[in-house]
Each structure stands twice: as structure tokens, then as C-alpha cells.
Amino acid sequence: MSEDVREPVAGVGDDSAEPMSWAGALGSVWASVRRHRLVSGVIALCVVASVAAFAWASAGSGSGSGSPAAPAADPAAPAFSLPVLGHSGQQISLSDYAGKPLIVNFFASWCPPCQQETPLLARFYRAEHGKVALVGLDENDVVANALKFTRAKGVNYPVGWDPQLTAAYAYGVGGLPQTFFLNAKHRIVEHLYGAVTQAELNKGVALATEG
């Protein structure tokens, strides 16, 4: 699985002097993100860089054998169940797509890179939804703005409404947009930061549907 940091991402949310483990550092970062809800794009990139630095330092301070760590298996995608945007009586859940590859896109109407990305996703879904499903998760937004945005951008795929950042926190999303590609077993095989391109969509779908 690759994680590609390319452009500033809009923050969706953002403490100890003691040295901490990689896992502890990651937990502390995302706890701070959830408390503050919104951070600047610069801070969001610093979060990503800090997490990478902790990972590098942890690897360097291991057994000292000089052997590289074995690559981690593709992680399981956290479950989610959220109201459908504009239809509070309906729910959209990860389990609705059991046994199917799925793209999960985290976005919001206030996110500048999402203005660029969302029309591309809508066109992609119209062309490819028979091959792979796509779900948008609207984070920390105002429902009227979210509805206006999705209509203006031609969104025709299901959208979950997540004003409390429940799914964003579960996925460790601290900046928008971010996109996760899940295979049929709902393992995360690709994770992209920032507005996706057509080439990245094609690559992610190939990974999600291979085998």
C-alpha cells in the first residue's frame, strides 16, 4: 500500500514531553486533531511529516540487526455507519458493500482541493461504478452547504453525512481530501492524500480489483 503526499490538504481537526512509541505518537496526534477539528493545510502536512519521522526513528532504534522491517499487511478498513446526506432516515455502511471493492473518499464543501477533485470522481463513478463502488463521506460540514456542493459538482454516488468526524477519526484522517481504496475483503490497498488524479484512480482501482 502506498501513501502519496503531494499537495496541501485542508485540515479536518487538530501533548507529552516523555519519549513515546510510534503507536503512542500516532494516537496523540490524532487525538489532538479530533479535539481541535480544524487545522491549516500547513499543519496538516506537518502532521503527516511528523508521523513519518516517528516511523523512521522507531525503525532505526529497533533491534540493531540492520535488517529492514517486513512490510505490514494491508490494514482492515474500519467499519462505519452514517446517515445518508439529505436523507437522515437512511444509513450508509461499509457492510453494505461486503465482498465488493470500494473507494472511500473523505471530503467537505469548504475544502478547496475538493472543488477540483469531486467532479472527476463523479465522472469516474458514471463510467466505472459497475467495476468498483464509490462512497463519499462529508466531514464537519453544514448540511445546506454540503447538499449545494454535491449537486453543483454532479455527485451521483452515495454520500455519508459525518458532521462529528466519526469516520474521519476511525480512519486517521486529519486533512481533506483523502481517498482509500479497499479490496473485496475490505483491506486498504491504497491511501492517497490531496485531490486524486485520473491516473491515481486507475491505479487504485487496479489494486483494489486485482486477483
Protein backbone atom coordinates (compact mmCIF):
# COMPACT_ATOMS: atom_id res chain seq x y z
CA MET A 1 0.00 0.00 0.00
CA SER A 2 1.37 3.44 -0.87
CA GLU A 3 0.74 6.79 0.78
CA ASP A 4 1.34 9.71 -1.54
CA VAL A 5 1.74 13.20 -0.05
CA ARG A 6 1.54 15.69 -2.92
CA GLU A 7 -0.26 18.92 -2.12
CA PRO A 8 -1.54 20.80 0.93
CA VAL A 9 -4.67 19.26 2.36
CA ALA A 10 -7.33 21.14 4.25
CA GLY A 11 -7.40 20.16 7.93
CA VAL A 12 -10.42 18.46 9.48
CA GLY A 13 -9.50 18.76 13.03
CA ASP A 14 -6.02 19.34 15.37
CA ASP A 15 0.70 16.52 24.06
CA SER A 16 3.82 14.83 26.40
CA ALA A 17 7.45 15.51 26.97
CA GLU A 18 8.27 11.85 27.53
CA PRO A 19 9.54 9.78 24.62
CA MET A 20 6.73 7.73 23.19
CA SER A 21 6.33 4.79 20.88
CA TRP A 22 5.30 5.10 17.24
CA ALA A 23 1.80 3.90 18.14
CA GLY A 24 1.59 6.31 21.07
CA ALA A 25 2.74 9.22 18.93
CA LEU A 26 0.16 8.46 16.27
CA GLY A 27 -2.60 8.24 18.87
CA SER A 28 -1.57 11.55 20.40
CA VAL A 29 -1.52 13.30 17.01
CA TRP A 30 -4.99 12.15 16.02
CA ALA A 31 -6.43 12.82 19.49
CA SER A 32 -5.28 16.42 19.09
CA VAL A 33 -6.76 16.54 15.58
CA ARG A 34 -10.14 15.42 16.84
CA ARG A 35 -10.18 17.94 19.70
CA HIS A 36 -9.47 20.95 17.52
CA ARG A 37 -11.47 19.86 14.46
CA LEU A 38 -9.77 22.31 12.06
CA VAL A 39 -6.11 22.97 11.32
CA SER A 40 -4.37 24.77 8.49
CA GLY A 41 -3.11 22.89 5.45
CA VAL A 42 0.47 23.55 6.59
CA ILE A 43 -0.18 21.95 9.97
CA ALA A 44 -1.89 19.01 8.28
CA LEU A 45 1.23 18.39 6.21
CA CYS A 46 3.38 18.71 9.35
CA VAL A 47 1.25 16.00 10.97
CA VAL A 48 1.97 13.67 8.06
CA ALA A 49 5.69 14.51 8.17
CA SER A 50 5.84 14.01 11.95
CA VAL A 51 4.17 10.61 11.70
CA ALA A 52 6.68 9.58 9.03
CA ALA A 53 9.56 10.79 11.22
CA PHE A 54 8.32 8.77 14.20
CA ALA A 55 8.07 5.69 12.00
CA TRP A 56 11.62 6.19 10.70
CA ALA A 57 13.01 6.78 14.19
CA SER A 58 11.25 3.72 15.56
CA ALA A 59 12.65 1.55 12.78
CA GLY A 60 16.13 2.93 13.37
CA SER A 61 16.05 2.24 17.09
CA GLY A 62 14.93 -1.37 16.84
CA SER A 63 16.99 -4.49 17.29
CA GLY A 64 20.07 -3.01 15.57
CA SER A 65 20.37 -6.02 13.30
CA GLY A 66 20.33 -3.80 10.20
CA SER A 67 17.58 -5.90 8.64
CA PRO A 68 14.67 -3.89 7.21
CA ALA A 69 11.32 -4.43 8.87
CA ALA A 70 8.89 -6.66 7.00
CA PRO A 71 6.17 -4.67 5.22
CA ALA A 72 2.91 -4.53 7.15
CA ALA A 73 -0.08 -6.34 5.73
CA ASP A 74 -2.80 -4.19 4.19
CA PRO A 75 -4.86 -3.00 7.18
CA ALA A 76 -8.54 -3.72 7.54
CA ALA A 77 -10.80 -0.78 6.81
CA PRO A 78 -12.65 0.46 9.91
CA ALA A 79 -16.41 -0.08 9.79
CA PHE A 80 -18.69 2.93 9.53
CA SER A 81 -22.43 3.53 9.51
CA LEU A 82 -23.65 7.07 8.83
CA PRO A 83 -26.82 8.88 7.74
CA VAL A 84 -27.12 9.48 4.00
CA LEU A 85 -26.58 13.16 3.18
CA GLY A 86 -30.01 14.78 2.80
CA HIS A 87 -31.81 11.60 3.94
CA SER A 88 -31.37 11.30 7.69
CA GLY A 89 -33.69 8.28 7.85
CA GLN A 90 -31.35 6.25 5.65
CA GLN A 91 -27.94 4.83 6.55
CA ILE A 92 -24.85 4.02 4.54
CA SER A 93 -22.46 1.43 5.96
CA LEU A 94 -19.26 -0.32 4.98
CA SER A 95 -21.14 -3.60 5.39
CA ASP A 96 -23.47 -2.58 2.53
CA TYR A 97 -20.53 -3.33 0.22
CA ALA A 98 -19.48 -6.68 1.67
CA GLY A 99 -17.47 -8.69 -0.83
CA LYS A 100 -17.06 -5.71 -3.20
CA PRO A 101 -14.10 -3.42 -3.89
CA LEU A 102 -14.81 0.11 -2.65
CA ILE A 103 -13.38 3.62 -2.87
CA VAL A 104 -13.96 5.77 0.24
CA ASN A 105 -13.43 9.49 -0.32
CA PHE A 106 -13.34 11.94 2.60
CA PHE A 107 -14.32 15.49 1.57
CA ALA A 108 -16.24 18.64 2.55
CA SER A 109 -17.81 21.59 0.76
CA TRP A 110 -15.37 24.00 2.45
CA CYS A 111 -12.28 22.10 1.25
CA PRO A 112 -10.54 23.88 -1.70
CA PRO A 113 -8.89 20.75 -3.24
CA CYS A 114 -12.29 19.02 -3.13
CA GLN A 115 -13.57 21.60 -5.63
CA GLN A 116 -11.09 20.16 -8.14
CA GLU A 117 -11.45 16.51 -7.19
CA THR A 118 -15.19 15.96 -6.81
CA PRO A 119 -16.25 16.48 -10.46
CA LEU A 120 -13.55 14.00 -11.50
CA LEU A 121 -14.88 11.45 -9.03
CA ALA A 122 -18.43 11.99 -10.31
CA ARG A 123 -17.33 11.37 -13.93
CA PHE A 124 -15.30 8.36 -12.86
CA TYR A 125 -18.25 6.86 -11.00
CA ARG A 126 -20.55 7.24 -14.00
CA ALA A 127 -18.03 5.35 -16.12
CA GLU A 128 -16.76 2.75 -13.66
CA HIS A 129 -19.36 2.08 -10.94
CA GLY A 130 -20.08 -1.35 -12.38
CA LYS A 131 -16.46 -2.27 -11.66
CA VAL A 132 -15.91 -0.63 -8.27
CA ALA A 133 -18.19 1.17 -5.83
CA LEU A 134 -17.53 4.69 -4.54
CA VAL A 135 -18.73 6.32 -1.34
CA GLY A 136 -18.16 9.92 -0.29
CA LEU A 137 -18.01 10.82 3.40
CA ASP A 138 -18.75 14.50 4.04
CA GLU A 139 -16.86 15.67 7.13
CA ASN A 140 -17.51 18.51 9.61
CA ASP A 141 -19.81 20.35 7.22
CA VAL A 142 -23.09 22.30 7.13
CA VAL A 143 -25.81 20.21 5.55
CA ALA A 144 -27.14 23.00 3.30
CA ASN A 145 -23.63 23.72 2.01
CA ALA A 146 -22.92 20.03 1.53
CA LEU A 147 -26.10 19.50 -0.49
CA LYS A 148 -25.44 22.56 -2.65
CA PHE A 149 -21.86 21.41 -3.26
CA THR A 150 -22.69 17.83 -4.23
CA ARG A 151 -25.46 18.95 -6.59
CA ALA A 152 -23.23 21.56 -8.24
CA LYS A 153 -20.42 19.04 -8.73
CA GLY A 154 -22.68 16.38 -10.24
CA VAL A 155 -22.19 13.86 -7.41
CA ASN A 156 -24.15 10.74 -8.27
CA TYR A 157 -22.58 8.31 -5.81
CA PRO A 158 -23.75 7.69 -2.23
CA VAL A 159 -22.61 10.23 0.35
CA GLY A 160 -22.50 9.69 4.10
CA TRP A 161 -23.05 12.64 6.44
CA ASP A 162 -20.38 12.79 9.18
CA PRO A 163 -20.53 16.19 10.95
CA GLN A 164 -18.93 14.77 14.11
CA LEU A 165 -15.92 13.27 12.25
CA THR A 166 -16.70 9.76 13.49
CA ALA A 167 -15.42 8.03 10.35
CA ALA A 168 -12.58 10.52 9.87
CA TYR A 169 -11.25 9.73 13.33
CA ALA A 170 -11.59 5.97 12.77
CA TYR A 171 -9.56 6.23 9.54
CA GLY A 172 -6.98 8.64 10.98
CA VAL A 173 -8.00 11.41 8.57
CA GLY A 174 -6.59 14.77 9.70
CA GLY A 175 -6.86 16.66 6.39
CA LEU A 176 -9.11 16.72 3.35
CA PRO A 177 -9.46 15.29 0.83
CA GLN A 178 -8.20 11.78 1.41
CA THR A 179 -9.12 8.67 -0.53
CA PHE A 180 -8.91 5.00 0.47
CA PHE A 181 -9.08 2.06 -1.94
CA LEU A 182 -10.45 -1.15 -0.42
CA ASN A 183 -10.30 -4.59 -1.99
CA ALA A 184 -13.17 -7.09 -1.87
CA LYS A 185 -12.07 -8.16 1.62
CA HIS A 186 -12.13 -4.51 2.68
CA ARG A 187 -8.40 -4.28 3.24
CA ILE A 188 -6.90 -0.86 2.48
CA VAL A 189 -4.65 -1.36 -0.55
CA GLU A 190 -4.07 2.32 -1.39
CA HIS A 191 -4.37 5.61 0.52
CA LEU A 192 -3.99 9.00 -1.17
CA TYR A 193 -3.70 12.49 0.31
CA GLY A 194 -4.98 15.51 -1.61
CA ALA A 195 -7.03 15.72 -4.80
CA VAL A 196 -6.76 12.50 -6.79
CA THR A 197 -5.94 12.36 -10.49
CA GLN A 198 -7.37 10.07 -13.14
CA ALA A 199 -4.12 8.10 -13.20
CA GLU A 200 -4.27 7.58 -9.44
CA LEU A 201 -7.89 6.45 -9.63
CA ASN A 202 -6.97 3.92 -12.30
CA LYS A 203 -4.04 2.65 -10.23
CA GLY A 204 -6.12 2.41 -7.05
CA VAL A 205 -8.90 0.51 -8.80
CA ALA A 206 -6.38 -1.89 -10.31
CA LEU A 207 -5.02 -2.64 -6.84
CA ALA A 208 -8.49 -2.98 -5.33
CA THR A 209 -9.75 -5.37 -8.01
CA GLU A 210 -6.65 -7.47 -8.67
CA GLY A 211 -6.93 -11.19 -8.04
